[in-house]
N, C-alpha and C. Protein backbone atom coordinates (compact mmCIF):
# COMPACT_ATOMS: atom_id res chain seq x y z
N MET A 1 9.62 20.89 0.02
CA MET A 1 10.38 19.83 -0.61
C MET A 1 9.86 18.48 -0.14
N ALA A 2 9.52 17.61 -1.05
CA ALA A 2 9.02 16.27 -0.72
C ALA A 2 10.18 15.34 -0.39
N THR A 3 9.96 14.50 0.61
CA THR A 3 10.96 13.54 1.02
C THR A 3 10.92 12.32 0.10
N LYS A 4 12.07 11.83 -0.31
CA LYS A 4 12.17 10.61 -1.14
C LYS A 4 12.49 9.46 -0.21
N PHE A 5 11.71 8.38 -0.26
CA PHE A 5 11.90 7.22 0.60
C PHE A 5 12.00 5.97 -0.25
N THR A 6 13.06 5.20 -0.07
CA THR A 6 13.23 3.93 -0.76
C THR A 6 13.39 2.83 0.28
N PRO A 7 12.46 1.87 0.30
CA PRO A 7 12.57 0.77 1.26
C PRO A 7 13.78 -0.12 0.98
N LEU A 8 14.22 -0.83 2.00
CA LEU A 8 15.34 -1.75 1.85
C LEU A 8 14.87 -3.16 1.55
N HIS A 9 15.70 -3.93 0.89
CA HIS A 9 15.51 -5.36 0.63
C HIS A 9 14.18 -5.63 -0.07
N ASP A 10 13.33 -6.52 0.50
CA ASP A 10 12.08 -6.91 -0.16
C ASP A 10 10.86 -6.18 0.42
N ARG A 11 11.09 -4.98 0.93
CA ARG A 11 9.99 -4.21 1.50
C ARG A 11 9.42 -3.24 0.45
N ILE A 12 8.15 -2.87 0.69
CA ILE A 12 7.48 -1.92 -0.21
C ILE A 12 6.81 -0.83 0.62
N LEU A 13 6.68 0.35 0.03
CA LEU A 13 5.98 1.48 0.64
C LEU A 13 4.62 1.57 -0.03
N VAL A 14 3.55 1.58 0.77
CA VAL A 14 2.18 1.52 0.24
C VAL A 14 1.35 2.67 0.81
N ARG A 15 0.51 3.27 -0.05
CA ARG A 15 -0.49 4.26 0.38
C ARG A 15 -1.84 3.56 0.31
N ARG A 16 -2.58 3.59 1.41
CA ARG A 16 -3.92 2.97 1.43
C ARG A 16 -4.85 3.65 0.44
N VAL A 17 -5.79 2.88 -0.11
CA VAL A 17 -6.79 3.39 -1.03
C VAL A 17 -8.13 3.41 -0.30
N GLU A 18 -8.81 4.54 -0.34
CA GLU A 18 -10.07 4.73 0.38
C GLU A 18 -11.19 3.91 -0.24
N GLU A 19 -11.97 3.25 0.62
CA GLU A 19 -13.14 2.51 0.16
C GLU A 19 -14.33 3.46 0.05
N ALA A 20 -15.38 3.02 -0.61
CA ALA A 20 -16.56 3.85 -0.78
C ALA A 20 -17.18 4.17 0.58
N GLY A 21 -17.73 5.39 0.73
CA GLY A 21 -18.33 5.82 1.98
C GLY A 21 -19.80 5.50 2.09
N THR A 22 -20.35 4.87 1.05
CA THR A 22 -21.77 4.49 1.08
C THR A 22 -21.92 3.04 0.66
N THR A 23 -23.02 2.42 1.07
CA THR A 23 -23.32 1.06 0.66
C THR A 23 -24.02 1.08 -0.68
N ARG A 24 -24.25 -0.09 -1.26
CA ARG A 24 -24.96 -0.15 -2.55
C ARG A 24 -26.37 0.40 -2.44
N GLY A 25 -26.96 0.29 -1.25
CA GLY A 25 -28.32 0.80 -1.03
C GLY A 25 -28.36 2.29 -0.77
N GLY A 26 -27.19 2.94 -0.72
CA GLY A 26 -27.13 4.39 -0.54
C GLY A 26 -26.94 4.83 0.90
N LEU A 27 -26.78 3.88 1.84
CA LEU A 27 -26.55 4.25 3.23
C LEU A 27 -25.14 4.79 3.41
N ILE A 28 -25.01 5.87 4.16
CA ILE A 28 -23.70 6.46 4.41
C ILE A 28 -23.09 5.77 5.62
N ILE A 29 -21.85 5.32 5.47
CA ILE A 29 -21.14 4.63 6.55
C ILE A 29 -20.27 5.65 7.28
N PRO A 30 -20.50 5.84 8.60
CA PRO A 30 -19.66 6.80 9.33
C PRO A 30 -18.23 6.29 9.46
N ASP A 31 -17.28 7.23 9.60
CA ASP A 31 -15.86 6.86 9.71
C ASP A 31 -15.60 5.91 10.87
N SER A 32 -16.34 6.07 11.96
CA SER A 32 -16.10 5.22 13.14
C SER A 32 -16.47 3.77 12.88
N ALA A 33 -17.33 3.49 11.90
CA ALA A 33 -17.76 2.12 11.60
C ALA A 33 -16.94 1.47 10.49
N LYS A 34 -16.08 2.25 9.85
CA LYS A 34 -15.29 1.72 8.74
C LYS A 34 -14.04 1.02 9.24
N ASP A 35 -13.67 -0.07 8.57
CA ASP A 35 -12.38 -0.69 8.79
C ASP A 35 -11.37 0.06 7.94
N LYS A 36 -10.11 -0.04 8.32
CA LYS A 36 -9.08 0.56 7.48
C LYS A 36 -9.02 -0.22 6.17
N PRO A 37 -8.81 0.49 5.06
CA PRO A 37 -8.77 -0.20 3.77
C PRO A 37 -7.67 -1.24 3.71
N GLN A 38 -7.95 -2.34 3.00
CA GLN A 38 -6.96 -3.39 2.81
C GLN A 38 -6.48 -3.40 1.36
N GLU A 39 -6.66 -2.28 0.72
CA GLU A 39 -6.20 -2.12 -0.66
C GLU A 39 -5.30 -0.90 -0.69
N GLY A 40 -4.24 -0.96 -1.49
CA GLY A 40 -3.32 0.15 -1.53
C GLY A 40 -2.61 0.27 -2.86
N GLU A 41 -1.86 1.36 -2.98
CA GLU A 41 -1.07 1.62 -4.18
C GLU A 41 0.40 1.59 -3.79
N VAL A 42 1.19 0.85 -4.55
CA VAL A 42 2.62 0.76 -4.28
C VAL A 42 3.28 2.08 -4.68
N ILE A 43 3.96 2.69 -3.72
CA ILE A 43 4.62 3.98 -3.96
C ILE A 43 6.10 3.78 -4.29
N SER A 44 6.74 2.85 -3.58
CA SER A 44 8.17 2.62 -3.78
C SER A 44 8.50 1.18 -3.40
N VAL A 45 9.49 0.59 -4.06
CA VAL A 45 9.88 -0.80 -3.77
C VAL A 45 11.39 -0.87 -3.54
N GLY A 46 11.79 -1.85 -2.71
CA GLY A 46 13.21 -2.09 -2.45
C GLY A 46 13.84 -2.87 -3.61
N LYS A 47 15.12 -3.13 -3.50
CA LYS A 47 15.86 -3.84 -4.55
C LYS A 47 15.50 -5.32 -4.64
N GLY A 48 15.17 -5.94 -3.50
CA GLY A 48 14.84 -7.35 -3.49
C GLY A 48 15.56 -8.10 -2.38
N LYS A 49 15.21 -9.36 -2.24
CA LYS A 49 15.79 -10.21 -1.19
C LYS A 49 17.10 -10.80 -1.69
N THR A 50 18.09 -10.88 -0.80
CA THR A 50 19.39 -11.44 -1.13
C THR A 50 19.55 -12.78 -0.44
N ASN A 51 20.01 -13.80 -1.18
CA ASN A 51 20.23 -15.11 -0.54
C ASN A 51 21.65 -15.18 0.03
N ASP A 52 22.01 -16.33 0.59
CA ASP A 52 23.32 -16.50 1.24
C ASP A 52 24.49 -16.36 0.27
N GLU A 53 24.25 -16.61 -1.01
CA GLU A 53 25.31 -16.51 -2.01
C GLU A 53 25.44 -15.11 -2.60
N GLY A 54 24.58 -14.18 -2.16
CA GLY A 54 24.64 -12.81 -2.64
C GLY A 54 23.78 -12.53 -3.85
N LYS A 55 23.02 -13.52 -4.33
CA LYS A 55 22.15 -13.31 -5.48
C LYS A 55 20.90 -12.56 -5.04
N VAL A 56 20.53 -11.53 -5.79
CA VAL A 56 19.36 -10.70 -5.46
C VAL A 56 18.15 -11.18 -6.26
N PHE A 57 17.05 -11.41 -5.55
CA PHE A 57 15.78 -11.77 -6.17
C PHE A 57 14.90 -10.52 -6.16
N ALA A 58 14.69 -9.93 -7.32
CA ALA A 58 13.96 -8.67 -7.43
C ALA A 58 12.52 -8.82 -6.94
N VAL A 59 11.96 -7.71 -6.45
CA VAL A 59 10.58 -7.66 -5.99
C VAL A 59 9.67 -7.75 -7.21
N ALA A 60 8.61 -8.55 -7.12
CA ALA A 60 7.69 -8.77 -8.24
C ALA A 60 6.74 -7.59 -8.46
N LEU A 61 6.68 -6.66 -7.52
CA LEU A 61 5.79 -5.51 -7.62
C LEU A 61 6.54 -4.31 -8.18
N LYS A 62 5.78 -3.35 -8.69
CA LYS A 62 6.40 -2.13 -9.19
C LYS A 62 5.58 -0.93 -8.73
N GLU A 63 6.15 0.24 -8.81
CA GLU A 63 5.45 1.46 -8.43
C GLU A 63 4.17 1.60 -9.24
N GLY A 64 3.09 1.98 -8.55
CA GLY A 64 1.81 2.17 -9.22
C GLY A 64 0.89 0.96 -9.18
N ASP A 65 1.41 -0.23 -8.81
CA ASP A 65 0.56 -1.42 -8.70
C ASP A 65 -0.49 -1.23 -7.61
N ARG A 66 -1.71 -1.73 -7.86
CA ARG A 66 -2.77 -1.76 -6.84
C ARG A 66 -2.74 -3.13 -6.21
N ILE A 67 -2.65 -3.19 -4.89
CA ILE A 67 -2.48 -4.46 -4.20
C ILE A 67 -3.53 -4.65 -3.11
N LEU A 68 -3.73 -5.90 -2.71
CA LEU A 68 -4.53 -6.26 -1.55
C LEU A 68 -3.58 -6.84 -0.51
N PHE A 69 -3.84 -6.52 0.76
CA PHE A 69 -2.99 -7.02 1.84
C PHE A 69 -3.87 -7.33 3.04
N GLY A 70 -3.32 -8.09 3.98
CA GLY A 70 -4.06 -8.50 5.17
C GLY A 70 -4.37 -7.32 6.09
N LYS A 71 -5.37 -7.53 6.94
CA LYS A 71 -5.86 -6.49 7.84
C LYS A 71 -4.76 -5.94 8.76
N TYR A 72 -3.88 -6.80 9.23
CA TYR A 72 -2.85 -6.38 10.18
C TYR A 72 -1.45 -6.37 9.57
N SER A 73 -1.36 -6.24 8.26
CA SER A 73 -0.08 -6.24 7.56
C SER A 73 0.63 -4.91 7.69
N GLY A 74 1.95 -4.97 7.68
CA GLY A 74 2.76 -3.77 7.59
C GLY A 74 2.88 -2.97 8.87
N THR A 75 3.69 -1.93 8.77
CA THR A 75 3.92 -0.98 9.86
C THR A 75 3.52 0.40 9.36
N GLU A 76 2.66 1.08 10.13
CA GLU A 76 2.22 2.41 9.74
C GLU A 76 3.28 3.44 10.06
N ILE A 77 3.54 4.33 9.09
CA ILE A 77 4.50 5.42 9.29
C ILE A 77 3.93 6.70 8.69
N LYS A 78 4.51 7.84 9.05
CA LYS A 78 4.15 9.13 8.45
C LYS A 78 5.39 9.72 7.81
N ILE A 79 5.24 10.16 6.58
CA ILE A 79 6.30 10.86 5.87
C ILE A 79 5.71 12.16 5.36
N ASP A 80 6.29 13.27 5.73
CA ASP A 80 5.79 14.60 5.35
C ASP A 80 4.31 14.76 5.70
N GLY A 81 3.88 14.20 6.83
CA GLY A 81 2.50 14.33 7.29
C GLY A 81 1.51 13.40 6.62
N GLU A 82 1.95 12.56 5.72
CA GLU A 82 1.08 11.63 5.00
C GLU A 82 1.31 10.21 5.52
N GLU A 83 0.22 9.45 5.71
CA GLU A 83 0.32 8.10 6.26
C GLU A 83 0.61 7.06 5.17
N PHE A 84 1.54 6.16 5.48
CA PHE A 84 1.91 5.07 4.58
C PHE A 84 2.06 3.79 5.39
N LEU A 85 2.19 2.67 4.68
CA LEU A 85 2.52 1.39 5.29
C LEU A 85 3.82 0.91 4.67
N ILE A 86 4.67 0.30 5.50
CA ILE A 86 5.84 -0.41 4.98
C ILE A 86 5.58 -1.87 5.28
N MET A 87 5.69 -2.71 4.25
CA MET A 87 5.47 -4.15 4.46
C MET A 87 6.42 -4.95 3.59
N LYS A 88 6.58 -6.21 3.97
CA LYS A 88 7.38 -7.12 3.16
C LYS A 88 6.53 -7.59 1.98
N GLU A 89 7.21 -7.94 0.91
CA GLU A 89 6.53 -8.41 -0.30
C GLU A 89 5.64 -9.62 0.01
N GLU A 90 6.07 -10.49 0.91
CA GLU A 90 5.31 -11.70 1.22
C GLU A 90 3.98 -11.41 1.93
N GLU A 91 3.78 -10.19 2.45
CA GLU A 91 2.53 -9.82 3.10
C GLU A 91 1.45 -9.43 2.09
N VAL A 92 1.83 -9.23 0.85
CA VAL A 92 0.88 -8.84 -0.20
C VAL A 92 0.12 -10.08 -0.66
N LEU A 93 -1.21 -9.97 -0.69
CA LEU A 93 -2.05 -11.09 -1.08
C LEU A 93 -2.21 -11.20 -2.59
N GLY A 94 -2.18 -10.07 -3.29
CA GLY A 94 -2.31 -10.10 -4.74
C GLY A 94 -2.34 -8.71 -5.34
N VAL A 95 -2.29 -8.66 -6.66
CA VAL A 95 -2.32 -7.41 -7.42
C VAL A 95 -3.69 -7.29 -8.07
N VAL A 96 -4.30 -6.11 -7.96
CA VAL A 96 -5.61 -5.84 -8.54
C VAL A 96 -5.41 -5.15 -9.88
N THR A 97 -6.07 -5.67 -10.93
CA THR A 97 -5.97 -5.04 -12.25
C THR A 97 -7.37 -4.76 -12.78
N GLY A 98 -7.47 -3.80 -13.67
CA GLY A 98 -8.73 -3.51 -14.35
C GLY A 98 -9.78 -2.84 -13.48
N VAL A 99 -9.37 -2.04 -12.49
CA VAL A 99 -10.33 -1.32 -11.65
C VAL A 99 -10.15 0.17 -11.84
N ALA A 100 -11.24 0.91 -11.64
CA ALA A 100 -11.16 2.36 -11.72
C ALA A 100 -10.39 2.88 -10.53
N LYS A 101 -9.70 3.98 -10.70
CA LYS A 101 -8.91 4.58 -9.63
C LYS A 101 -9.85 5.04 -8.51
N LYS A 102 -9.48 4.70 -7.26
CA LYS A 102 -10.20 5.17 -6.09
C LYS A 102 -9.37 6.25 -5.45
N GLU A 103 -10.00 7.01 -4.57
CA GLU A 103 -9.28 8.08 -3.87
C GLU A 103 -8.36 7.48 -2.83
N THR A 104 -7.12 7.96 -2.76
CA THR A 104 -6.17 7.45 -1.79
C THR A 104 -6.34 8.18 -0.47
N VAL A 105 -6.10 7.48 0.61
CA VAL A 105 -6.23 8.05 1.94
C VAL A 105 -5.11 9.05 2.17
N GLY A 106 -5.45 10.26 2.57
CA GLY A 106 -4.44 11.25 2.91
C GLY A 106 -3.66 11.81 1.74
N ALA A 107 -4.12 11.57 0.54
CA ALA A 107 -3.39 12.06 -0.64
C ALA A 107 -3.48 13.59 -0.71
N LYS A 108 -2.37 14.19 -1.06
CA LYS A 108 -2.35 15.65 -1.21
C LYS A 108 -2.96 16.02 -2.54
N ARG A 109 -3.68 17.06 -2.57
CA ARG A 109 -4.35 17.49 -3.80
C ARG A 109 -3.66 18.68 -4.38
């Protein structure tokens, strides 16, 4: 049974997207030399931020969006043995559109 996780407030749940393992010249990059990917797929989003008057500002992201985030953004967690990041919406640098799907890190097949 898969666990369902919904972040609170303006937080989002992200799965990292794997970068290519070779350079354009065909050199294979070992795992020890790779940085963790700074691109991910939004898995789940919270309801949004609430102001002092109780008005909710919905999160601008939605499930399935491809995003870019900073190198040290978010908190790493494991759910059902799979690694995810939880981060605030403000930590997202932007949404990527028009790219081919890349393999996600730790995705179950």
